N, C-alpha and C. Protein backbone atom coordinates (compact mmCIF):
# COMPACT_ATOMS: atom_id res chain seq x y z
N MET A 1 15.54 33.66 7.46
CA MET A 1 15.29 32.63 8.42
C MET A 1 15.21 31.25 7.73
N SER A 2 15.70 30.26 8.43
CA SER A 2 15.72 28.86 7.78
C SER A 2 14.42 28.42 7.37
N LYS A 3 14.38 27.73 6.14
CA LYS A 3 13.21 27.15 5.62
C LYS A 3 13.12 25.63 6.01
N GLY A 4 14.27 25.19 6.65
CA GLY A 4 14.30 23.80 7.12
C GLY A 4 14.33 22.78 6.00
N LEU A 5 13.67 21.64 6.27
CA LEU A 5 13.79 20.49 5.33
C LEU A 5 12.84 20.73 4.13
N THR A 6 13.16 20.08 3.07
CA THR A 6 12.31 19.96 1.94
C THR A 6 11.24 18.96 2.28
N ARG A 7 10.21 18.79 1.36
CA ARG A 7 9.17 17.91 1.66
C ARG A 7 9.63 16.47 1.59
N ARG A 8 10.50 16.20 0.70
CA ARG A 8 11.13 14.78 0.59
C ARG A 8 11.89 14.51 1.82
N GLN A 9 12.72 15.46 2.35
CA GLN A 9 13.40 15.26 3.52
C GLN A 9 12.57 15.11 4.78
N MET A 10 11.39 15.80 4.80
CA MET A 10 10.47 15.59 5.87
C MET A 10 9.93 14.12 5.90
N ALA A 11 9.64 13.62 4.69
CA ALA A 11 9.17 12.22 4.60
C ALA A 11 10.26 11.29 5.06
N TRP A 12 11.48 11.59 4.65
CA TRP A 12 12.57 10.76 5.05
C TRP A 12 12.73 10.69 6.60
N ARG A 13 12.58 11.84 7.20
CA ARG A 13 12.74 11.96 8.67
C ARG A 13 11.71 11.10 9.34
N ALA A 14 10.47 11.19 8.96
CA ALA A 14 9.41 10.45 9.47
C ALA A 14 9.67 8.90 9.36
N ALA A 15 10.20 8.50 8.20
CA ALA A 15 10.48 7.08 7.99
C ALA A 15 11.58 6.52 8.90
N GLN A 16 12.47 7.39 9.38
CA GLN A 16 13.55 6.85 10.16
C GLN A 16 13.09 6.37 11.57
N ASP A 17 11.94 6.73 11.98
CA ASP A 17 11.42 6.43 13.27
C ASP A 17 10.58 5.15 13.25
N LEU A 18 10.48 4.55 12.11
CA LEU A 18 9.63 3.32 12.00
C LEU A 18 10.52 2.06 12.22
N ALA A 19 10.19 1.32 13.21
CA ALA A 19 10.98 0.19 13.53
C ALA A 19 10.68 -1.01 12.60
N ASP A 20 11.59 -1.96 12.55
CA ASP A 20 11.39 -3.15 11.74
C ASP A 20 10.18 -3.96 12.23
N GLY A 21 9.37 -4.30 11.21
CA GLY A 21 8.17 -5.13 11.46
C GLY A 21 6.90 -4.40 11.87
N VAL A 22 6.95 -3.04 11.85
CA VAL A 22 5.67 -2.43 12.23
C VAL A 22 4.68 -2.29 11.09
N TYR A 23 3.40 -2.08 11.32
CA TYR A 23 2.38 -1.97 10.40
C TYR A 23 1.91 -0.43 10.43
N VAL A 24 1.88 0.13 9.27
CA VAL A 24 1.71 1.64 9.18
C VAL A 24 0.76 1.99 8.10
N ASN A 25 -0.20 2.83 8.37
CA ASN A 25 -0.99 3.51 7.28
C ASN A 25 -0.53 4.87 7.11
N LEU A 26 -0.46 5.16 5.77
CA LEU A 26 0.04 6.53 5.31
C LEU A 26 -1.21 7.33 4.72
N GLY A 27 -1.38 8.53 5.27
CA GLY A 27 -2.37 9.38 4.73
C GLY A 27 -2.06 9.95 3.37
N ILE A 28 -3.09 10.57 2.76
CA ILE A 28 -2.93 11.15 1.34
C ILE A 28 -2.09 12.39 1.47
N GLY A 29 -1.30 12.68 0.42
CA GLY A 29 -0.50 13.86 0.36
C GLY A 29 0.95 13.53 0.83
N LEU A 30 1.58 14.35 1.48
CA LEU A 30 2.96 14.27 1.94
C LEU A 30 3.30 12.96 2.56
N PRO A 31 2.46 12.44 3.44
CA PRO A 31 2.72 11.10 4.09
C PRO A 31 2.95 9.98 3.09
N GLN A 32 2.39 10.05 1.91
CA GLN A 32 2.58 8.98 0.91
C GLN A 32 4.04 8.75 0.53
N ASP A 33 4.81 9.79 0.69
CA ASP A 33 6.26 9.62 0.29
C ASP A 33 7.08 8.89 1.30
N VAL A 34 6.51 8.69 2.52
CA VAL A 34 7.29 8.04 3.59
C VAL A 34 7.76 6.59 3.20
N SER A 35 6.90 5.92 2.40
CA SER A 35 7.31 4.58 2.00
C SER A 35 8.54 4.46 1.11
N ASN A 36 8.90 5.58 0.53
CA ASN A 36 10.12 5.59 -0.35
C ASN A 36 11.38 5.78 0.44
N HIS A 37 11.35 5.96 1.79
CA HIS A 37 12.53 6.33 2.53
C HIS A 37 12.84 5.49 3.74
N VAL A 38 12.28 4.27 3.76
CA VAL A 38 12.47 3.33 4.79
C VAL A 38 13.95 2.79 4.73
N PRO A 39 14.66 2.77 5.80
CA PRO A 39 16.02 2.23 5.71
C PRO A 39 16.05 0.81 5.19
N ALA A 40 17.06 0.47 4.44
CA ALA A 40 17.16 -0.79 3.67
C ALA A 40 17.18 -2.03 4.64
N ASP A 41 17.58 -1.83 5.85
CA ASP A 41 17.66 -2.99 6.73
C ASP A 41 16.38 -3.25 7.53
N ARG A 42 15.31 -2.56 7.21
CA ARG A 42 14.06 -2.66 7.99
C ARG A 42 12.97 -3.03 7.03
N GLU A 43 12.07 -3.92 7.50
CA GLU A 43 10.81 -4.18 6.76
C GLU A 43 9.66 -3.51 7.50
N VAL A 44 9.08 -2.60 6.82
CA VAL A 44 7.83 -1.87 7.31
C VAL A 44 6.72 -2.18 6.43
N ILE A 45 5.60 -2.65 7.02
CA ILE A 45 4.47 -3.08 6.19
C ILE A 45 3.48 -1.96 6.15
N PHE A 46 3.30 -1.33 4.95
CA PHE A 46 2.44 -0.14 4.80
C PHE A 46 1.04 -0.72 4.31
N GLN A 47 -0.01 -0.08 4.93
CA GLN A 47 -1.36 -0.43 4.58
C GLN A 47 -2.02 0.80 3.92
N SER A 48 -2.78 0.52 2.86
CA SER A 48 -3.56 1.61 2.23
C SER A 48 -4.99 1.31 2.42
N GLU A 49 -5.81 2.27 2.77
CA GLU A 49 -7.20 2.06 3.11
C GLU A 49 -8.09 1.63 1.97
N ASN A 50 -7.57 1.75 0.76
CA ASN A 50 -8.37 1.21 -0.37
C ASN A 50 -8.20 -0.28 -0.55
N GLY A 51 -7.40 -0.91 0.36
CA GLY A 51 -7.34 -2.39 0.31
C GLY A 51 -5.97 -3.07 -0.08
N ILE A 52 -4.88 -2.45 0.42
CA ILE A 52 -3.55 -3.08 0.16
C ILE A 52 -2.80 -3.21 1.51
N LEU A 53 -2.29 -4.36 1.71
CA LEU A 53 -1.29 -4.54 2.80
C LEU A 53 0.01 -5.02 2.24
N GLY A 54 1.01 -4.15 2.36
CA GLY A 54 2.34 -4.39 1.71
C GLY A 54 2.63 -3.52 0.58
N VAL A 55 2.27 -2.23 0.75
CA VAL A 55 2.50 -1.23 -0.21
C VAL A 55 4.03 -0.96 -0.33
N GLY A 56 4.59 -0.97 -1.52
CA GLY A 56 6.01 -0.66 -1.66
C GLY A 56 6.23 0.71 -2.13
N PRO A 57 7.49 1.08 -2.57
CA PRO A 57 7.76 2.45 -3.00
C PRO A 57 6.91 2.80 -4.19
N ALA A 58 6.82 4.08 -4.47
CA ALA A 58 6.08 4.58 -5.68
C ALA A 58 6.65 3.90 -6.93
N ALA A 59 5.83 3.63 -7.89
CA ALA A 59 6.26 3.03 -9.18
C ALA A 59 7.15 3.98 -9.94
N LEU A 60 8.16 3.49 -10.55
CA LEU A 60 9.05 4.29 -11.37
C LEU A 60 8.43 4.67 -12.71
N PRO A 61 8.77 5.82 -13.27
CA PRO A 61 8.12 6.18 -14.50
C PRO A 61 8.37 5.12 -15.60
N GLY A 62 7.27 4.71 -16.26
CA GLY A 62 7.37 3.72 -17.30
C GLY A 62 7.12 2.29 -16.70
N LYS A 63 7.14 2.13 -15.41
CA LYS A 63 6.93 0.86 -14.71
C LYS A 63 5.59 0.79 -14.06
N GLU A 64 4.68 1.78 -14.30
CA GLU A 64 3.40 1.86 -13.50
C GLU A 64 2.45 0.78 -13.94
N ASP A 65 1.73 0.23 -13.01
CA ASP A 65 0.60 -0.63 -13.29
C ASP A 65 -0.68 0.24 -13.04
N PRO A 66 -1.43 0.57 -14.09
CA PRO A 66 -2.56 1.42 -13.91
C PRO A 66 -3.63 0.94 -13.00
N GLY A 67 -3.60 -0.31 -12.69
CA GLY A 67 -4.59 -0.91 -11.79
C GLY A 67 -4.07 -0.97 -10.37
N LEU A 68 -2.91 -0.43 -10.05
CA LEU A 68 -2.32 -0.61 -8.75
C LEU A 68 -2.00 0.73 -8.21
N VAL A 69 -2.95 1.29 -7.45
CA VAL A 69 -2.78 2.63 -6.88
C VAL A 69 -3.11 2.56 -5.39
N ASP A 70 -2.66 3.50 -4.60
CA ASP A 70 -2.95 3.62 -3.19
C ASP A 70 -4.17 4.52 -3.05
N ALA A 71 -4.55 4.79 -1.72
CA ALA A 71 -5.78 5.56 -1.45
C ALA A 71 -5.72 6.94 -2.04
N GLY A 72 -4.52 7.48 -2.24
CA GLY A 72 -4.44 8.86 -2.84
C GLY A 72 -4.32 8.86 -4.36
N GLY A 73 -4.44 7.72 -4.97
CA GLY A 73 -4.25 7.60 -6.45
C GLY A 73 -2.89 7.52 -7.00
N GLN A 74 -1.92 7.37 -6.09
CA GLN A 74 -0.48 7.31 -6.44
C GLN A 74 -0.22 5.87 -7.03
N ARG A 75 0.48 5.75 -8.11
CA ARG A 75 0.82 4.50 -8.65
C ARG A 75 1.96 3.88 -7.74
N VAL A 76 1.72 2.69 -7.19
CA VAL A 76 2.56 2.11 -6.22
C VAL A 76 3.06 0.75 -6.71
N THR A 77 3.98 0.18 -5.90
CA THR A 77 4.45 -1.21 -6.08
C THR A 77 3.99 -2.01 -4.91
N LEU A 78 4.18 -3.29 -4.97
CA LEU A 78 3.92 -4.18 -3.85
C LEU A 78 5.20 -4.87 -3.36
N ILE A 79 5.31 -5.12 -2.07
CA ILE A 79 6.44 -5.89 -1.54
C ILE A 79 6.08 -7.39 -1.59
N ARG A 80 7.05 -8.17 -1.52
CA ARG A 80 6.84 -9.64 -1.56
C ARG A 80 5.86 -10.06 -0.42
N GLY A 81 4.87 -10.82 -0.75
CA GLY A 81 3.89 -11.26 0.22
C GLY A 81 2.72 -10.37 0.45
N ALA A 82 2.62 -9.27 -0.40
CA ALA A 82 1.51 -8.33 -0.23
C ALA A 82 0.17 -8.90 -0.49
N ALA A 83 -0.87 -8.28 0.12
CA ALA A 83 -2.20 -8.76 -0.10
C ALA A 83 -3.14 -7.63 -0.54
N ILE A 84 -4.09 -7.99 -1.32
CA ILE A 84 -5.11 -7.02 -1.85
C ILE A 84 -6.53 -7.52 -1.43
N PHE A 85 -7.29 -6.59 -0.84
CA PHE A 85 -8.61 -6.99 -0.40
C PHE A 85 -9.54 -5.90 -0.52
N ASP A 86 -10.85 -6.08 -0.06
CA ASP A 86 -11.83 -5.08 -0.26
C ASP A 86 -11.85 -4.08 0.91
N SER A 87 -12.64 -2.96 0.73
CA SER A 87 -12.65 -1.92 1.74
C SER A 87 -13.22 -2.31 3.04
N ALA A 88 -14.11 -3.27 3.06
CA ALA A 88 -14.64 -3.73 4.30
C ALA A 88 -13.55 -4.36 5.20
N ASP A 89 -12.74 -5.22 4.61
CA ASP A 89 -11.55 -5.80 5.31
C ASP A 89 -10.61 -4.79 5.74
N SER A 90 -10.37 -3.76 4.85
CA SER A 90 -9.46 -2.69 5.13
C SER A 90 -9.79 -1.93 6.27
N PHE A 91 -11.09 -1.51 6.41
CA PHE A 91 -11.61 -0.70 7.52
C PHE A 91 -11.65 -1.52 8.76
N ALA A 92 -11.95 -2.83 8.62
CA ALA A 92 -11.89 -3.68 9.88
C ALA A 92 -10.47 -3.72 10.47
N MET A 93 -9.46 -3.75 9.60
CA MET A 93 -8.11 -3.77 10.01
C MET A 93 -7.81 -2.40 10.66
N MET A 94 -8.18 -1.33 10.11
CA MET A 94 -8.02 0.08 10.67
C MET A 94 -8.66 0.22 12.00
N ARG A 95 -9.92 -0.21 12.10
CA ARG A 95 -10.69 0.05 13.30
C ARG A 95 -10.41 -1.01 14.41
N GLY A 96 -9.75 -2.11 14.03
CA GLY A 96 -9.57 -3.18 15.02
C GLY A 96 -8.34 -3.15 15.81
N GLY A 97 -7.51 -2.10 15.63
CA GLY A 97 -6.27 -2.02 16.47
C GLY A 97 -5.15 -2.79 15.93
N HIS A 98 -5.16 -3.09 14.57
CA HIS A 98 -4.06 -3.87 14.05
C HIS A 98 -2.93 -3.12 13.46
N LEU A 99 -3.05 -1.76 13.41
CA LEU A 99 -1.98 -0.87 12.90
C LEU A 99 -1.22 -0.31 14.03
N ASP A 100 0.13 -0.34 13.91
CA ASP A 100 1.00 0.27 14.93
C ASP A 100 0.91 1.80 14.85
N PHE A 101 0.96 2.32 13.60
CA PHE A 101 1.01 3.76 13.38
C PHE A 101 0.13 4.19 12.26
N THR A 102 -0.44 5.39 12.33
CA THR A 102 -0.89 6.05 11.11
C THR A 102 -0.13 7.39 11.09
N ILE A 103 0.36 7.70 9.90
CA ILE A 103 0.97 9.05 9.69
C ILE A 103 0.13 9.83 8.76
N LEU A 104 -0.45 10.97 9.22
CA LEU A 104 -1.43 11.71 8.46
C LEU A 104 -0.92 13.12 8.22
N GLY A 105 -1.52 13.80 7.25
CA GLY A 105 -1.24 15.22 7.10
C GLY A 105 -2.35 15.94 7.91
N ALA A 106 -2.18 17.28 8.11
CA ALA A 106 -3.12 18.03 8.97
C ALA A 106 -3.17 19.43 8.48
N PHE A 107 -4.39 20.08 8.71
CA PHE A 107 -4.45 21.50 8.67
C PHE A 107 -3.98 22.22 9.83
N GLN A 108 -4.33 21.59 11.00
CA GLN A 108 -3.90 22.12 12.33
C GLN A 108 -3.70 21.00 13.35
N VAL A 109 -2.80 21.20 14.26
CA VAL A 109 -2.66 20.33 15.44
C VAL A 109 -2.59 21.21 16.65
N SER A 110 -3.32 20.90 17.63
CA SER A 110 -3.34 21.71 18.88
C SER A 110 -2.27 21.30 19.84
N ALA A 111 -2.11 22.13 20.89
CA ALA A 111 -1.12 21.87 21.85
C ALA A 111 -1.35 20.61 22.72
N VAL A 112 -2.50 20.05 22.71
CA VAL A 112 -2.86 18.86 23.44
C VAL A 112 -3.04 17.67 22.50
N GLY A 113 -2.77 17.89 21.26
CA GLY A 113 -2.85 16.72 20.24
C GLY A 113 -4.16 16.68 19.53
N ASP A 114 -4.95 17.64 19.67
CA ASP A 114 -6.26 17.66 18.75
C ASP A 114 -5.78 17.69 17.26
N LEU A 115 -6.55 17.02 16.49
CA LEU A 115 -6.19 16.88 15.03
C LEU A 115 -7.33 17.48 14.20
N ALA A 116 -7.02 18.34 13.25
CA ALA A 116 -8.00 18.89 12.35
C ALA A 116 -7.41 18.65 10.92
N ASN A 117 -7.98 17.64 10.15
CA ASN A 117 -7.42 17.38 8.86
C ASN A 117 -8.44 17.13 7.76
N TRP A 118 -9.70 17.41 8.07
CA TRP A 118 -10.70 17.04 7.02
C TRP A 118 -11.44 18.24 6.41
N ASP A 119 -11.41 19.42 7.12
CA ASP A 119 -12.18 20.49 6.55
C ASP A 119 -11.49 21.85 6.98
N ALA A 120 -10.95 22.49 6.04
CA ALA A 120 -10.30 23.77 6.27
C ALA A 120 -11.20 25.01 6.10
N LEU A 121 -12.51 24.72 5.93
CA LEU A 121 -13.54 25.82 5.84
C LEU A 121 -13.21 26.76 4.69
N GLU A 122 -12.75 26.21 3.59
CA GLU A 122 -12.47 27.01 2.45
C GLU A 122 -13.67 26.97 1.41
N GLU A 123 -14.03 28.11 0.90
CA GLU A 123 -15.17 28.25 0.07
C GLU A 123 -15.13 27.28 -1.13
N PHE A 124 -13.98 27.17 -1.75
CA PHE A 124 -13.87 26.47 -2.99
C PHE A 124 -13.18 25.11 -2.83
N ARG A 125 -13.13 24.65 -1.51
CA ARG A 125 -12.49 23.33 -1.25
C ARG A 125 -13.45 22.45 -0.43
N ALA A 126 -13.96 21.41 -1.08
CA ALA A 126 -14.90 20.53 -0.35
C ALA A 126 -14.13 19.70 0.70
N PRO A 127 -14.85 19.59 1.94
CA PRO A 127 -14.29 18.75 2.95
C PRO A 127 -14.19 17.29 2.52
N ILE A 128 -13.11 16.60 3.03
CA ILE A 128 -12.97 15.14 2.69
C ILE A 128 -12.73 14.45 3.97
N VAL A 129 -13.67 13.59 4.36
CA VAL A 129 -13.59 12.81 5.53
C VAL A 129 -12.64 11.72 5.36
N GLY A 130 -12.80 10.88 4.37
CA GLY A 130 -11.91 9.74 4.12
C GLY A 130 -11.96 8.75 5.30
N GLY A 131 -10.85 8.12 5.56
CA GLY A 131 -10.69 7.21 6.64
C GLY A 131 -10.03 7.69 7.88
N ALA A 132 -9.73 9.00 7.90
CA ALA A 132 -8.98 9.55 8.97
C ALA A 132 -9.56 9.31 10.40
N MET A 133 -10.89 9.50 10.51
CA MET A 133 -11.54 9.33 11.76
C MET A 133 -11.44 7.89 12.24
N ASP A 134 -11.49 6.97 11.31
CA ASP A 134 -11.38 5.49 11.74
C ASP A 134 -9.91 5.29 12.15
N LEU A 135 -8.95 5.84 11.39
CA LEU A 135 -7.54 5.57 11.65
C LEU A 135 -7.09 6.12 13.01
N VAL A 136 -7.52 7.37 13.34
CA VAL A 136 -6.95 7.97 14.54
C VAL A 136 -7.48 7.18 15.83
N PHE A 137 -8.57 6.52 15.69
CA PHE A 137 -9.06 5.71 16.85
C PHE A 137 -8.67 4.27 16.85
N GLY A 138 -8.21 3.73 15.68
CA GLY A 138 -7.84 2.40 15.55
C GLY A 138 -6.36 2.15 15.62
N ALA A 139 -5.57 3.05 15.20
CA ALA A 139 -4.07 2.91 15.19
C ALA A 139 -3.58 3.10 16.67
N LYS A 140 -2.58 2.38 16.92
CA LYS A 140 -1.97 2.43 18.27
C LYS A 140 -1.31 3.80 18.55
N GLU A 141 -0.79 4.46 17.48
CA GLU A 141 -0.18 5.76 17.72
C GLU A 141 -0.43 6.62 16.46
N VAL A 142 -0.77 7.90 16.64
CA VAL A 142 -1.02 8.87 15.51
C VAL A 142 0.16 9.77 15.44
N ARG A 143 0.72 9.93 14.28
CA ARG A 143 1.75 10.88 13.97
C ARG A 143 1.29 11.82 12.85
N VAL A 144 1.75 13.04 12.87
CA VAL A 144 1.34 13.97 11.77
C VAL A 144 2.64 14.46 11.00
N LEU A 145 2.53 14.56 9.73
CA LEU A 145 3.60 15.05 8.87
C LEU A 145 3.03 16.24 8.03
N MET A 146 3.53 17.40 8.32
CA MET A 146 3.00 18.65 7.61
C MET A 146 3.94 19.77 7.65
N GLU A 147 3.78 20.77 6.79
CA GLU A 147 4.46 21.96 6.84
C GLU A 147 4.17 22.71 8.12
N HIS A 148 5.22 23.39 8.65
CA HIS A 148 5.06 24.10 9.94
C HIS A 148 4.11 25.25 9.87
N ASN A 149 4.11 25.95 8.72
CA ASN A 149 3.22 27.06 8.57
C ASN A 149 2.49 26.99 7.17
N THR A 150 1.41 27.73 7.05
CA THR A 150 0.62 27.81 5.82
C THR A 150 1.47 28.65 4.79
N LYS A 151 0.96 28.69 3.56
CA LYS A 151 1.58 29.51 2.58
C LYS A 151 1.54 31.04 2.94
N LYS A 152 0.62 31.41 3.76
CA LYS A 152 0.45 32.80 4.27
C LYS A 152 1.34 33.03 5.50
N GLY A 153 2.00 31.96 5.91
CA GLY A 153 2.83 32.06 7.14
C GLY A 153 2.16 31.86 8.43
N GLU A 154 0.96 31.50 8.35
CA GLU A 154 0.19 31.23 9.58
C GLU A 154 0.58 29.86 10.24
N PRO A 155 0.66 29.81 11.55
CA PRO A 155 1.06 28.53 12.20
C PRO A 155 -0.03 27.49 12.01
N ARG A 156 0.46 26.21 11.76
CA ARG A 156 -0.43 25.13 11.77
C ARG A 156 -0.49 24.45 13.12
N ILE A 157 0.48 24.67 13.98
CA ILE A 157 0.51 24.19 15.39
C ILE A 157 0.04 25.28 16.22
N VAL A 158 -1.17 25.06 16.86
CA VAL A 158 -1.85 26.14 17.57
C VAL A 158 -2.28 25.68 18.98
N GLU A 159 -2.62 26.67 19.83
CA GLU A 159 -3.11 26.30 21.15
C GLU A 159 -4.47 25.60 21.05
N ARG A 160 -5.32 26.02 20.18
CA ARG A 160 -6.65 25.39 19.95
C ARG A 160 -7.00 25.49 18.51
N CYS A 161 -7.44 24.33 17.95
CA CYS A 161 -7.75 24.21 16.57
C CYS A 161 -8.92 25.13 16.21
N LEU A 162 -8.79 25.83 15.11
CA LEU A 162 -9.94 26.63 14.59
C LEU A 162 -10.77 25.88 13.65
N TYR A 163 -10.31 24.83 13.11
CA TYR A 163 -11.00 24.04 12.07
C TYR A 163 -11.77 22.91 12.77
N PRO A 164 -12.79 22.27 12.14
CA PRO A 164 -13.46 21.15 12.76
C PRO A 164 -12.54 20.04 13.04
N LEU A 165 -12.62 19.41 14.25
CA LEU A 165 -11.75 18.35 14.63
C LEU A 165 -12.01 17.00 13.99
N THR A 166 -10.94 16.35 13.62
CA THR A 166 -11.03 14.97 13.27
C THR A 166 -11.22 14.05 14.50
N ALA A 167 -10.38 14.45 15.52
CA ALA A 167 -10.46 13.70 16.77
C ALA A 167 -9.68 14.61 17.80
N ALA A 168 -10.01 14.42 19.09
CA ALA A 168 -9.39 15.17 20.14
C ALA A 168 -8.33 14.35 20.89
N LYS A 169 -7.18 15.02 21.10
CA LYS A 169 -6.08 14.46 21.89
C LYS A 169 -5.58 13.14 21.48
N VAL A 170 -5.35 13.00 20.12
CA VAL A 170 -4.88 11.74 19.54
C VAL A 170 -3.46 11.81 19.05
N VAL A 171 -2.89 12.93 18.67
CA VAL A 171 -1.60 13.11 18.03
C VAL A 171 -0.47 12.96 19.13
N ARG A 172 0.54 12.18 18.80
CA ARG A 172 1.60 12.02 19.77
C ARG A 172 2.92 12.61 19.26
N ARG A 173 3.11 12.66 17.95
CA ARG A 173 4.39 13.26 17.42
C ARG A 173 4.06 13.96 16.13
N VAL A 174 4.70 15.15 15.93
CA VAL A 174 4.54 15.94 14.70
C VAL A 174 5.83 16.12 14.05
N TYR A 175 5.90 15.90 12.76
CA TYR A 175 7.12 16.19 11.94
C TYR A 175 6.80 17.35 11.06
N THR A 176 7.60 18.37 11.03
CA THR A 176 7.44 19.52 10.12
C THR A 176 8.78 19.79 9.44
N ASN A 177 8.77 20.75 8.56
CA ASN A 177 10.06 21.19 7.97
C ASN A 177 10.90 21.88 8.93
N LEU A 178 10.45 22.31 10.07
CA LEU A 178 11.24 23.04 11.06
C LEU A 178 11.60 22.24 12.33
N ALA A 179 10.82 21.25 12.59
CA ALA A 179 11.05 20.57 13.94
C ALA A 179 10.35 19.23 13.98
N VAL A 180 10.84 18.44 15.03
CA VAL A 180 10.14 17.28 15.44
C VAL A 180 9.64 17.53 16.86
N LEU A 181 8.30 17.37 17.05
CA LEU A 181 7.72 17.84 18.24
C LEU A 181 6.94 16.68 18.88
N ASP A 182 7.02 16.46 20.17
CA ASP A 182 6.26 15.41 20.89
C ASP A 182 5.21 16.09 21.72
N ILE A 183 3.99 15.55 21.76
CA ILE A 183 2.92 16.04 22.62
C ILE A 183 2.87 15.18 23.82
N THR A 184 3.16 15.74 25.00
CA THR A 184 3.29 15.01 26.23
C THR A 184 2.24 15.63 27.26
N PRO A 185 2.12 14.88 28.38
CA PRO A 185 1.25 15.46 29.41
C PRO A 185 1.73 16.83 29.99
N GLN A 186 2.98 17.11 29.76
CA GLN A 186 3.56 18.40 30.26
C GLN A 186 3.47 19.47 29.16
N GLY A 187 3.03 19.10 28.02
CA GLY A 187 2.90 20.14 26.85
C GLY A 187 3.69 19.66 25.64
N MET A 188 3.87 20.54 24.68
CA MET A 188 4.52 20.20 23.42
C MET A 188 6.07 20.44 23.52
N LEU A 189 6.71 19.32 23.32
CA LEU A 189 8.14 19.29 23.51
C LEU A 189 8.95 19.33 22.20
N ALA A 190 9.87 20.26 21.99
CA ALA A 190 10.69 20.28 20.78
C ALA A 190 11.87 19.33 20.96
N ARG A 191 11.81 18.27 20.20
CA ARG A 191 12.86 17.24 20.16
C ARG A 191 14.03 17.57 19.29
N GLU A 192 13.66 18.06 18.11
CA GLU A 192 14.65 18.39 17.04
C GLU A 192 14.24 19.78 16.43
N ILE A 193 15.23 20.54 16.13
CA ILE A 193 14.97 21.87 15.50
C ILE A 193 15.88 21.99 14.31
N ALA A 194 15.33 22.54 13.17
CA ALA A 194 16.11 22.63 11.95
C ALA A 194 17.38 23.47 12.15
N ALA A 195 18.49 23.03 11.50
CA ALA A 195 19.70 23.63 11.52
C ALA A 195 19.56 25.14 11.18
N GLY A 196 20.18 26.05 11.87
CA GLY A 196 20.07 27.49 11.59
C GLY A 196 18.87 28.19 12.15
N LEU A 197 18.08 27.43 12.90
CA LEU A 197 16.92 28.04 13.53
C LEU A 197 17.00 27.89 14.92
N SER A 198 16.86 29.01 15.71
CA SER A 198 16.95 29.00 17.13
C SER A 198 15.59 28.55 17.72
N PHE A 199 15.59 28.27 19.00
CA PHE A 199 14.36 27.86 19.67
C PHE A 199 13.40 29.08 19.74
N SER A 200 13.91 30.29 19.86
CA SER A 200 13.01 31.45 19.88
C SER A 200 12.41 31.69 18.53
N ASP A 201 13.24 31.45 17.46
CA ASP A 201 12.70 31.56 16.08
C ASP A 201 11.54 30.56 15.86
N LEU A 202 11.79 29.22 16.33
CA LEU A 202 10.74 28.31 16.18
C LEU A 202 9.52 28.68 16.91
N GLN A 203 9.64 29.13 18.10
CA GLN A 203 8.53 29.60 18.91
C GLN A 203 7.76 30.67 18.21
N ALA A 204 8.46 31.54 17.58
CA ALA A 204 7.79 32.68 16.89
C ALA A 204 6.91 32.22 15.73
N ARG A 205 7.25 31.00 15.13
CA ARG A 205 6.53 30.52 13.99
C ARG A 205 5.49 29.46 14.41
N THR A 206 5.27 29.33 15.72
CA THR A 206 4.47 28.36 16.22
C THR A 206 3.31 28.99 17.13
N GLY A 207 2.06 28.56 16.97
CA GLY A 207 1.00 29.18 17.69
C GLY A 207 0.69 28.60 18.99
N ALA A 208 1.43 27.64 19.44
CA ALA A 208 1.36 26.98 20.74
C ALA A 208 2.64 27.10 21.51
N ARG A 209 2.55 27.09 22.82
CA ARG A 209 3.69 27.26 23.63
C ARG A 209 4.57 25.96 23.54
N LEU A 210 5.88 26.10 23.32
CA LEU A 210 6.73 24.96 23.24
C LEU A 210 7.64 24.88 24.45
N THR A 211 8.14 23.77 24.75
CA THR A 211 9.22 23.44 25.69
C THR A 211 10.34 22.89 25.10
N LEU A 212 11.57 23.34 25.34
CA LEU A 212 12.77 22.77 24.80
C LEU A 212 13.25 21.55 25.55
N ALA A 213 13.31 20.36 24.78
CA ALA A 213 13.74 19.18 25.46
C ALA A 213 15.17 19.28 25.83
N ASN A 214 15.49 18.67 27.01
CA ASN A 214 16.95 18.70 27.46
C ASN A 214 17.90 18.18 26.51
N ASP A 215 17.40 17.14 25.79
CA ASP A 215 18.33 16.50 24.76
C ASP A 215 17.98 16.87 23.37
N CYS A 216 17.39 18.07 23.18
CA CYS A 216 17.06 18.50 21.79
C CYS A 216 18.29 18.51 20.87
N ARG A 217 18.03 18.04 19.63
CA ARG A 217 19.15 17.84 18.66
C ARG A 217 18.80 18.66 17.39
N PRO A 218 19.77 18.90 16.54
CA PRO A 218 19.50 19.51 15.25
C PRO A 218 18.68 18.58 14.34
N LEU A 219 17.77 19.19 13.61
CA LEU A 219 16.97 18.42 12.64
C LEU A 219 17.73 18.42 11.31
N VAL A 220 18.27 17.31 10.99
CA VAL A 220 19.10 17.19 9.72
C VAL A 220 18.65 16.09 8.88
N ALA A 221 18.88 16.13 7.59
CA ALA A 221 18.48 15.10 6.66
C ALA A 221 19.44 15.10 5.48
N PRO A 222 19.64 13.96 4.83
CA PRO A 222 20.56 13.91 3.65
C PRO A 222 19.91 14.73 2.53
N GLU A 223 20.77 15.06 1.53
CA GLU A 223 20.22 15.72 0.28
C GLU A 223 19.41 14.69 -0.49
N LEU A 224 18.21 15.04 -0.84
CA LEU A 224 17.37 14.09 -1.53
C LEU A 224 16.77 14.79 -2.83
């Protein structure tokens, strides 16, 4: 059965939906790579909750500035005109509705857009609240970027989240290695499906009921 996109291709796919001029916060983990794949003809302004507006691509090896990191500790670069400020200003920006999108990782997303991304109830893994709860209520749209299934093969997209919620009914779009899914009032809609994977195969690997969009397309990405 198709494994779908690689993690870099997943980040690339999420980046393609960001329009010129939008302001975007990227969550820790897989979403951090999105800034490396924005089309060259677009300016997307990335915000990091530790106090950067204008995060550029990850720093190249040997070109890192040890004092310039994003919220996940990744060594980053700055775009022309970037600003650096304290956490109070950063969280005011996040809470004040100034961000067009936040793209976050998740442990689970429910059929109605509930998000669980701060506590997986694992004995040896401490929960991390971070700024997610502020972001999902402050950003104009919440998108999730995550693997479709866990390492054990369990679905991350479920009818009802089993983990503690970050927020209820906030997610609008989900990008995985297998599909692009929209959460609509009519349910979860499959917009794109990985090449080589049928809709029934996708449904079998998903814990929530899916509907096939009339204009569903293959999920493809360049070799990266």
